[in-house]
């Protein structure tokens, strides 16, 4: 029992190190055995990232205008994750916007240079985040941030459950991306923490699962059709788009 608990704690810290810049390296284990399991803790990490954004907003809002506090909260989440998902979204925009074949898309997404599609995509999605959050009431915004970061990461987990990894070549994140497709138990665990913050936000916000599911199905279909699966970059794009969809419908429902 103790060894199993210790293993799960190690997997969690491995996920925390992989998905964020939080320095807990000595508590992580980078072997394939552990890396293949980290995705189930992605929503838990999302709760932590969202909480950092929420705390930043609350503290900044004590002394600064609301708009500046929102901007600082967005910056805080980007800094704590090392822009991991934003980078994936940018590569996704370049690959899917500037290529047609699977080989071309994968090649462009692997290129570290940023193109026009990526630049425009980042401006649009970050702008959307800021202006949507600006319209959400200060009382609702902290829990909205936490919920969005958690549920959006569960959506990425569900993509890994239903789709296969698209790349055949070796990469630095191969052990993570070829997770043998998560089992149902891991998916349910991920879903529990992905949905949990919405309970505190308000039960009516569970309705947002509907547009999120529709968005997930559309993106999943496009990934299967264009590249026959997912990559780390496409997972980053799924997270970013799901996060924005959540903000949009919080605004609609409120």
C-alpha atoms as a PDB file:
ATOM      1  CA  UNK A   1       0.000   0.000   0.000  1.00  0.00           C
ATOM      2  CA  UNK A   2       2.783   2.404   0.959  1.00  0.00           C
ATOM      3  CA  UNK A   3       4.806   1.614  -2.163  1.00  0.00           C
ATOM      4  CA  UNK A   4       1.743   2.185  -4.377  1.00  0.00           C
ATOM      5  CA  UNK A   5       1.038   5.544  -2.715  1.00  0.00           C
ATOM      6  CA  UNK A   6       4.686   6.526  -3.071  1.00  0.00           C
ATOM      7  CA  UNK A   7       4.560   5.622  -6.762  1.00  0.00           C
ATOM      8  CA  UNK A   8       1.469   7.779  -7.331  1.00  0.00           C
ATOM      9  CA  UNK A   9       3.085  10.711  -5.518  1.00  0.00           C
ATOM     10  CA  UNK A  10       6.149  10.335  -7.723  1.00  0.00           C
ATOM     11  CA  UNK A  11       3.981  10.266 -10.865  1.00  0.00           C
ATOM     12  CA  UNK A  12       2.233  13.443  -9.694  1.00  0.00           C
ATOM     13  CA  UNK A  13       5.497  15.311  -9.147  1.00  0.00           C
ATOM     14  CA  UNK A  14       6.794  14.032 -12.484  1.00  0.00           C
ATOM     15  CA  UNK A  15       3.674  15.518 -14.098  1.00  0.00           C
ATOM     16  CA  UNK A  16       4.179  18.762 -12.188  1.00  0.00           C
ATOM     17  CA  UNK A  17       7.761  19.058 -13.424  1.00  0.00           C
ATOM     18  CA  UNK A  18       6.804  18.166 -17.011  1.00  0.00           C
ATOM     19  CA  UNK A  19       3.827  20.516 -17.301  1.00  0.00           C
ATOM     20  CA  UNK A  20       5.145  23.450 -15.244  1.00  0.00           C
ATOM     21  CA  UNK A  21       8.303  25.258 -14.181  1.00  0.00           C
ATOM     22  CA  UNK A  22       7.731  24.462 -10.500  1.00  0.00           C
ATOM     23  CA  UNK A  23      11.162  23.265  -9.250  1.00  0.00           C
ATOM     24  CA  UNK A  24      10.493  19.891  -7.640  1.00  0.00           C
ATOM     25  CA  UNK A  25      12.884  17.897  -9.820  1.00  0.00           C
ATOM     26  CA  UNK A  26      14.217  15.676  -7.036  1.00  0.00           C
ATOM     27  CA  UNK A  27      10.735  14.328  -6.401  1.00  0.00           C
ATOM     28  CA  UNK A  28      10.187  13.317 -10.047  1.00  0.00           C
ATOM     29  CA  UNK A  29      11.134  10.193 -11.964  1.00  0.00           C
ATOM     30  CA  UNK A  30      11.708  10.507 -15.724  1.00  0.00           C
ATOM     31  CA  UNK A  31      11.700   6.813 -16.607  1.00  0.00           C
ATOM     32  CA  UNK A  32       9.258   5.594 -19.255  1.00  0.00           C
ATOM     33  CA  UNK A  33       7.271   3.752 -16.589  1.00  0.00           C
ATOM     34  CA  UNK A  34       6.380   7.032 -14.855  1.00  0.00           C
ATOM     35  CA  UNK A  35       6.237   9.290 -17.884  1.00  0.00           C
ATOM     36  CA  UNK A  36       3.567   7.084 -19.436  1.00  0.00           C
ATOM     37  CA  UNK A  37       1.280   7.818 -16.500  1.00  0.00           C
ATOM     38  CA  UNK A  38       1.648  11.568 -16.016  1.00  0.00           C
ATOM     39  CA  UNK A  39      -1.267  12.616 -18.214  1.00  0.00           C
ATOM     40  CA  UNK A  40      -3.840  11.422 -15.687  1.00  0.00           C
ATOM     41  CA  UNK A  41      -2.553  14.120 -13.324  1.00  0.00           C
ATOM     42  CA  UNK A  42      -2.774  16.835 -15.977  1.00  0.00           C
ATOM     43  CA  UNK A  43      -6.092  18.252 -14.616  1.00  0.00           C
ATOM     44  CA  UNK A  44      -4.609  18.294 -11.091  1.00  0.00           C
ATOM     45  CA  UNK A  45      -1.733  20.343 -12.470  1.00  0.00           C
ATOM     46  CA  UNK A  46      -4.360  22.474 -14.217  1.00  0.00           C
ATOM     47  CA  UNK A  47      -5.998  23.196 -10.864  1.00  0.00           C
ATOM     48  CA  UNK A  48      -2.620  24.332  -9.512  1.00  0.00           C
ATOM     49  CA  UNK A  49      -1.915  26.501 -12.575  1.00  0.00           C
ATOM     50  CA  UNK A  50      -5.412  27.993 -12.453  1.00  0.00           C
ATOM     51  CA  UNK A  51      -5.051  28.642  -8.718  1.00  0.00           C
ATOM     52  CA  UNK A  52      -1.793  30.515  -9.346  1.00  0.00           C
ATOM     53  CA  UNK A  53      -3.571  32.638 -11.936  1.00  0.00           C
ATOM     54  CA  UNK A  54      -6.496  33.190  -9.552  1.00  0.00           C
ATOM     55  CA  UNK A  55      -4.284  34.180  -6.615  1.00  0.00           C
ATOM     56  CA  UNK A  56      -2.323  36.534  -8.865  1.00  0.00           C
ATOM     57  CA  UNK A  57      -5.582  38.147  -9.965  1.00  0.00           C
ATOM     58  CA  UNK A  58      -6.947  38.494  -6.414  1.00  0.00           C
ATOM     59  CA  UNK A  59      -3.745  40.036  -5.028  1.00  0.00           C
ATOM     60  CA  UNK A  60      -3.170  42.328  -8.005  1.00  0.00           C
ATOM     61  CA  UNK A  61      -6.791  43.478  -7.925  1.00  0.00           C
ATOM     62  CA  UNK A  62      -6.284  44.799  -4.393  1.00  0.00           C
ATOM     63  CA  UNK A  63      -4.029  47.576  -5.638  1.00  0.00           C
ATOM     64  CA  UNK A  64      -4.406  47.654  -9.427  1.00  0.00           C
ATOM     65  CA  UNK A  65      -7.276  48.123 -11.899  1.00  0.00           C
ATOM     66  CA  UNK A  66      -9.202  44.995 -12.850  1.00  0.00           C
ATOM     67  CA  UNK A  67      -7.856  44.905 -16.405  1.00  0.00           C
ATOM     68  CA  UNK A  68      -4.242  44.957 -15.223  1.00  0.00           C
ATOM     69  CA  UNK A  69      -4.970  42.232 -12.669  1.00  0.00           C
ATOM     70  CA  UNK A  70      -6.451  40.035 -15.420  1.00  0.00           C
ATOM     71  CA  UNK A  71      -3.444  40.587 -17.655  1.00  0.00           C
ATOM     72  CA  UNK A  72      -1.071  39.706 -14.800  1.00  0.00           C
ATOM     73  CA  UNK A  73      -3.037  36.524 -14.066  1.00  0.00           C
ATOM     74  CA  UNK A  74      -2.704  35.430 -17.703  1.00  0.00           C
ATOM     75  CA  UNK A  75       1.015  36.193 -17.628  1.00  0.00           C
ATOM     76  CA  UNK A  76       1.373  34.223 -14.372  1.00  0.00           C
ATOM     77  CA  UNK A  77      -0.143  31.085 -15.924  1.00  0.00           C
ATOM     78  CA  UNK A  78       2.091  31.439 -18.968  1.00  0.00           C
ATOM     79  CA  UNK A  79       5.213  31.843 -16.840  1.00  0.00           C
ATOM     80  CA  UNK A  80       4.398  28.932 -14.535  1.00  0.00           C
ATOM     81  CA  UNK A  81       3.897  26.572 -17.489  1.00  0.00           C
ATOM     82  CA  UNK A  82       6.742  27.959 -19.586  1.00  0.00           C
ATOM     83  CA  UNK A  83       4.164  28.740 -22.303  1.00  0.00           C
ATOM     84  CA  UNK A  84       3.990  24.988 -22.950  1.00  0.00           C
ATOM     85  CA  UNK A  85       0.463  24.950 -24.333  1.00  0.00           C
ATOM     86  CA  UNK A  86       0.745  28.314 -26.067  1.00  0.00           C
ATOM     87  CA  UNK A  87       3.803  26.993 -27.898  1.00  0.00           C
ATOM     88  CA  UNK A  88       1.852  23.922 -28.967  1.00  0.00           C
ATOM     89  CA  UNK A  89      -1.036  26.081 -30.161  1.00  0.00           C
ATOM     90  CA  UNK A  90       1.372  28.250 -32.199  1.00  0.00           C
ATOM     91  CA  UNK A  91       2.932  25.194 -33.866  1.00  0.00           C
ATOM     92  CA  UNK A  92      -0.543  23.803 -34.508  1.00  0.00           C
ATOM     93  CA  UNK A  93      -1.576  27.024 -36.269  1.00  0.00           C
ATOM     94  CA  UNK A  94       1.522  26.991 -38.473  1.00  0.00           C
ATOM     95  CA  UNK A  95       1.244  23.287 -39.293  1.00  0.00           C
ATOM     96  CA  UNK A  96      -2.463  23.072 -39.996  1.00  0.00           C
ATOM     97  CA  UNK A  97      -2.625  26.535 -41.532  1.00  0.00           C
ATOM     98  CA  UNK A  98       0.363  26.255 -43.847  1.00  0.00           C
ATOM     99  CA  UNK A  99       0.423  22.629 -45.009  1.00  0.00           C
ATOM    100  CA  UNK A 100      -1.791  19.975 -46.549  1.00  0.00           C
ATOM    101  CA  UNK A 101      -0.161  16.559 -46.181  1.00  0.00           C
ATOM    102  CA  UNK A 102       0.542  14.782 -42.917  1.00  0.00           C
ATOM    103  CA  UNK A 103       4.290  14.866 -43.547  1.00  0.00           C
ATOM    104  CA  UNK A 104       4.271  18.622 -44.214  1.00  0.00           C
ATOM    105  CA  UNK A 105       2.146  19.365 -41.158  1.00  0.00           C
ATOM    106  CA  UNK A 106       4.359  17.324 -38.836  1.00  0.00           C
ATOM    107  CA  UNK A 107       7.505  18.863 -40.293  1.00  0.00           C
ATOM    108  CA  UNK A 108       6.242  22.432 -39.829  1.00  0.00           C
ATOM    109  CA  UNK A 109       5.043  21.751 -36.287  1.00  0.00           C
ATOM    110  CA  UNK A 110       8.485  20.428 -35.379  1.00  0.00           C
ATOM    111  CA  UNK A 111      10.162  23.593 -36.700  1.00  0.00           C
ATOM    112  CA  UNK A 112      11.035  25.954 -33.827  1.00  0.00           C
ATOM    113  CA  UNK A 113      10.570  29.053 -35.999  1.00  0.00           C
ATOM    114  CA  UNK A 114       7.294  30.931 -35.662  1.00  0.00           C
ATOM    115  CA  UNK A 115       5.280  31.707 -38.789  1.00  0.00           C
ATOM    116  CA  UNK A 116       2.467  34.060 -39.712  1.00  0.00           C
ATOM    117  CA  UNK A 117      -0.276  31.615 -38.747  1.00  0.00           C
ATOM    118  CA  UNK A 118       1.294  31.106 -35.331  1.00  0.00           C
ATOM    119  CA  UNK A 119       1.714  34.832 -34.690  1.00  0.00           C
ATOM    120  CA  UNK A 120      -1.860  35.623 -35.722  1.00  0.00           C
ATOM    121  CA  UNK A 121      -3.201  32.643 -33.772  1.00  0.00           C
ATOM    122  CA  UNK A 122      -1.439  33.650 -30.554  1.00  0.00           C
ATOM    123  CA  UNK A 123      -2.591  37.255 -30.843  1.00  0.00           C
ATOM    124  CA  UNK A 124      -6.171  36.108 -31.381  1.00  0.00           C
ATOM    125  CA  UNK A 125      -6.334  33.525 -28.606  1.00  0.00           C
ATOM    126  CA  UNK A 126      -4.555  35.657 -25.991  1.00  0.00           C
ATOM    127  CA  UNK A 127      -6.666  38.633 -26.969  1.00  0.00           C
ATOM    128  CA  UNK A 128      -9.814  36.526 -26.640  1.00  0.00           C
ATOM    129  CA  UNK A 129      -8.767  35.344 -23.180  1.00  0.00           C
ATOM    130  CA  UNK A 130      -8.167  38.878 -21.968  1.00  0.00           C
ATOM    131  CA  UNK A 131     -11.333  40.466 -23.341  1.00  0.00           C
ATOM    132  CA  UNK A 132     -13.592  37.587 -22.272  1.00  0.00           C
ATOM    133  CA  UNK A 133     -12.155  37.474 -18.744  1.00  0.00           C
ATOM    134  CA  UNK A 134     -12.606  41.242 -18.543  1.00  0.00           C
ATOM    135  CA  UNK A 135     -16.366  40.722 -18.893  1.00  0.00           C
ATOM    136  CA  UNK A 136     -16.575  38.093 -16.129  1.00  0.00           C
ATOM    137  CA  UNK A 137     -17.363  39.467 -12.667  1.00  0.00           C
ATOM    138  CA  UNK A 138     -14.440  39.666 -10.196  1.00  0.00           C
ATOM    139  CA  UNK A 139     -16.306  37.352  -7.796  1.00  0.00           C
ATOM    140  CA  UNK A 140     -16.626  34.627 -10.437  1.00  0.00           C
ATOM    141  CA  UNK A 141     -13.280  35.011 -12.166  1.00  0.00           C
ATOM    142  CA  UNK A 142     -10.935  33.115  -9.765  1.00  0.00           C
ATOM    143  CA  UNK A 143     -13.009  29.909  -9.852  1.00  0.00           C
ATOM    144  CA  UNK A 144     -13.495  30.358 -13.602  1.00  0.00           C
ATOM    145  CA  UNK A 145      -9.717  30.327 -14.089  1.00  0.00           C
ATOM    146  CA  UNK A 146      -9.262  27.208 -11.963  1.00  0.00           C
ATOM    147  CA  UNK A 147     -12.142  25.366 -13.639  1.00  0.00           C
ATOM    148  CA  UNK A 148     -11.018  26.270 -17.161  1.00  0.00           C
ATOM    149  CA  UNK A 149      -7.450  25.115 -16.618  1.00  0.00           C
ATOM    150  CA  UNK A 150      -8.626  21.835 -15.089  1.00  0.00           C
ATOM    151  CA  UNK A 151     -11.348  20.856 -17.580  1.00  0.00           C
ATOM    152  CA  UNK A 152      -9.316  21.907 -20.631  1.00  0.00           C
ATOM    153  CA  UNK A 153      -6.540  19.548 -19.584  1.00  0.00           C
ATOM    154  CA  UNK A 154      -9.032  16.725 -19.141  1.00  0.00           C
ATOM    155  CA  UNK A 155     -10.105  17.306 -22.747  1.00  0.00           C
ATOM    156  CA  UNK A 156      -6.501  16.714 -23.839  1.00  0.00           C
ATOM    157  CA  UNK A 157      -6.423  13.535 -21.764  1.00  0.00           C
ATOM    158  CA  UNK A 158      -9.554  12.293 -23.518  1.00  0.00           C
ATOM    159  CA  UNK A 159      -7.895  12.888 -26.907  1.00  0.00           C
ATOM    160  CA  UNK A 160      -4.991  10.699 -25.808  1.00  0.00           C
ATOM    161  CA  UNK A 161      -7.487   8.022 -24.766  1.00  0.00           C
ATOM    162  CA  UNK A 162      -9.277   7.860 -28.119  1.00  0.00           C
ATOM    163  CA  UNK A 163      -6.493   8.738 -30.575  1.00  0.00           C
ATOM    164  CA  UNK A 164      -3.049   7.387 -31.317  1.00  0.00           C
ATOM    165  CA  UNK A 165       0.242   9.257 -31.415  1.00  0.00           C
ATOM    166  CA  UNK A 166       0.839  10.526 -34.951  1.00  0.00           C
ATOM    167  CA  UNK A 167       4.616  10.702 -35.137  1.00  0.00           C
ATOM    168  CA  UNK A 168       6.759   7.698 -35.982  1.00  0.00           C
ATOM    169  CA  UNK A 169      10.052   9.503 -35.383  1.00  0.00           C
ATOM    170  CA  UNK A 170      11.779   9.677 -32.027  1.00  0.00           C
ATOM    171  CA  UNK A 171      11.424  12.883 -30.039  1.00  0.00           C
ATOM    172  CA  UNK A 172      12.371  14.129 -26.596  1.00  0.00           C
ATOM    173  CA  UNK A 173       8.797  13.607 -25.441  1.00  0.00           C
ATOM    174  CA  UNK A 174       8.256  10.221 -27.091  1.00  0.00           C
ATOM    175  CA  UNK A 175       7.905   8.358 -23.814  1.00  0.00           C
ATOM    176  CA  UNK A 176       5.195  10.818 -22.810  1.00  0.00           C
ATOM    177  CA  UNK A 177       3.335  10.933 -26.099  1.00  0.00           C
ATOM    178  CA  UNK A 178       3.305   7.190 -26.723  1.00  0.00           C
ATOM    179  CA  UNK A 179       1.410   6.487 -23.530  1.00  0.00           C
ATOM    180  CA  UNK A 180      -0.011   3.196 -24.807  1.00  0.00           C
ATOM    181  CA  UNK A 181      -3.313   5.086 -24.850  1.00  0.00           C
ATOM    182  CA  UNK A 182      -4.526   5.749 -21.324  1.00  0.00           C
ATOM    183  CA  UNK A 183      -6.689   3.097 -19.736  1.00  0.00           C
ATOM    184  CA  UNK A 184     -10.251   3.786 -18.612  1.00  0.00           C
ATOM    185  CA  UNK A 185      -9.284   3.979 -14.938  1.00  0.00           C
ATOM    186  CA  UNK A 186      -6.745   6.742 -15.640  1.00  0.00           C
ATOM    187  CA  UNK A 187      -9.257   8.580 -17.812  1.00  0.00           C
ATOM    188  CA  UNK A 188     -11.898   8.515 -15.054  1.00  0.00           C
ATOM    189  CA  UNK A 189      -9.352   9.702 -12.506  1.00  0.00           C
ATOM    190  CA  UNK A 190      -8.418  12.569 -14.822  1.00  0.00           C
ATOM    191  CA  UNK A 191     -12.089  13.368 -15.416  1.00  0.00           C
ATOM    192  CA  UNK A 192     -12.802  13.535 -11.689  1.00  0.00           C
ATOM    193  CA  UNK A 193     -10.269  16.316 -11.157  1.00  0.00           C
ATOM    194  CA  UNK A 194     -11.113  17.948 -14.465  1.00  0.00           C
ATOM    195  CA  UNK A 195     -14.740  18.377 -13.390  1.00  0.00           C
ATOM    196  CA  UNK A 196     -14.276  18.912  -9.642  1.00  0.00           C
ATOM    197  CA  UNK A 197     -13.666  22.719  -9.684  1.00  0.00           C
ATOM    198  CA  UNK A 198     -16.920  23.267 -11.599  1.00  0.00           C
ATOM    199  CA  UNK A 199     -18.818  22.000  -8.530  1.00  0.00           C
ATOM    200  CA  UNK A 200     -17.591  25.066  -6.636  1.00  0.00           C
ATOM    201  CA  UNK A 201     -18.180  27.352  -9.602  1.00  0.00           C
ATOM    202  CA  UNK A 202     -21.841  26.300  -9.788  1.00  0.00           C
ATOM    203  CA  UNK A 203     -23.723  23.273 -11.128  1.00  0.00           C
ATOM    204  CA  UNK A 204     -25.273  25.223 -13.992  1.00  0.00           C
ATOM    205  CA  UNK A 205     -21.783  25.579 -15.478  1.00  0.00           C
ATOM    206  CA  UNK A 206     -21.697  21.827 -16.103  1.00  0.00           C
ATOM    207  CA  UNK A 207     -23.710  22.741 -19.200  1.00  0.00           C
ATOM    208  CA  UNK A 208     -20.404  23.926 -20.692  1.00  0.00           C
ATOM    209  CA  UNK A 209     -19.462  20.268 -21.074  1.00  0.00           C
ATOM    210  CA  UNK A 210     -21.781  20.182 -24.103  1.00  0.00           C
ATOM    211  CA  UNK A 211     -19.945  22.802 -26.244  1.00  0.00           C
ATOM    212  CA  UNK A 212     -16.630  21.444 -24.978  1.00  0.00           C
ATOM    213  CA  UNK A 213     -17.578  17.940 -26.119  1.00  0.00           C
ATOM    214  CA  UNK A 214     -18.699  19.224 -29.520  1.00  0.00           C
ATOM    215  CA  UNK A 215     -15.432  21.168 -29.907  1.00  0.00           C
ATOM    216  CA  UNK A 216     -13.439  18.102 -28.834  1.00  0.00           C
ATOM    217  CA  UNK A 217     -15.196  15.918 -31.398  1.00  0.00           C
ATOM    218  CA  UNK A 218     -14.573  18.408 -34.210  1.00  0.00           C
ATOM    219  CA  UNK A 219     -10.903  18.796 -33.333  1.00  0.00           C
ATOM    220  CA  UNK A 220     -10.515  15.031 -32.872  1.00  0.00           C
ATOM    221  CA  UNK A 221     -12.020  14.434 -36.290  1.00  0.00           C
ATOM    222  CA  UNK A 222      -9.668  16.972 -37.884  1.00  0.00           C
ATOM    223  CA  UNK A 223      -6.644  15.415 -36.180  1.00  0.00           C
ATOM    224  CA  UNK A 224      -7.607  11.941 -37.402  1.00  0.00           C
ATOM    225  CA  UNK A 225      -8.247  13.165 -40.925  1.00  0.00           C
ATOM    226  CA  UNK A 226      -5.168  15.353 -41.305  1.00  0.00           C
ATOM    227  CA  UNK A 227      -2.413  13.554 -39.362  1.00  0.00           C
ATOM    228  CA  UNK A 228      -3.999  10.272 -38.221  1.00  0.00           C
ATOM    229  CA  UNK A 229      -3.665  11.076 -34.535  1.00  0.00           C
ATOM    230  CA  UNK A 230      -2.269  13.626 -32.126  1.00  0.00           C
ATOM    231  CA  UNK A 231       1.097  15.135 -31.208  1.00  0.00           C
ATOM    232  CA  UNK A 232       2.257  17.128 -28.193  1.00  0.00           C
ATOM    233  CA  UNK A 233       1.657  20.338 -30.148  1.00  0.00           C
ATOM    234  CA  UNK A 234      -1.917  19.416 -31.016  1.00  0.00           C
ATOM    235  CA  UNK A 235      -2.609  18.603 -27.360  1.00  0.00           C
ATOM    236  CA  UNK A 236      -1.411  22.094 -26.467  1.00  0.00           C
ATOM    237  CA  UNK A 237      -3.779  23.508 -29.069  1.00  0.00           C
ATOM    238  CA  UNK A 238      -6.685  21.438 -27.720  1.00  0.00           C
ATOM    239  CA  UNK A 239      -6.016  22.750 -24.217  1.00  0.00           C
ATOM    240  CA  UNK A 240      -5.880  26.380 -25.348  1.00  0.00           C
ATOM    241  CA  UNK A 241      -9.041  26.170 -27.453  1.00  0.00           C
ATOM    242  CA  UNK A 242     -10.936  24.307 -24.719  1.00  0.00           C
ATOM    243  CA  UNK A 243      -9.878  26.907 -22.155  1.00  0.00           C
ATOM    244  CA  UNK A 244     -11.203  29.752 -24.311  1.00  0.00           C
ATOM    245  CA  UNK A 245     -14.448  27.866 -25.056  1.00  0.00           C
ATOM    246  CA  UNK A 246     -14.966  27.487 -21.309  1.00  0.00           C
ATOM    247  CA  UNK A 247     -14.488  31.239 -20.737  1.00  0.00           C
ATOM    248  CA  UNK A 248     -16.906  32.071 -23.555  1.00  0.00           C
ATOM    249  CA  UNK A 249     -19.710  29.943 -22.148  1.00  0.00           C
ATOM    250  CA  UNK A 250     -19.166  31.096 -18.575  1.00  0.00           C
ATOM    251  CA  UNK A 251     -19.898  34.540 -19.987  1.00  0.00           C
ATOM    252  CA  UNK A 252     -22.945  33.227 -21.849  1.00  0.00           C
ATOM    253  CA  UNK A 253     -24.387  31.339 -18.858  1.00  0.00           C
ATOM    254  CA  UNK A 254     -23.812  33.970 -16.180  1.00  0.00           C
END
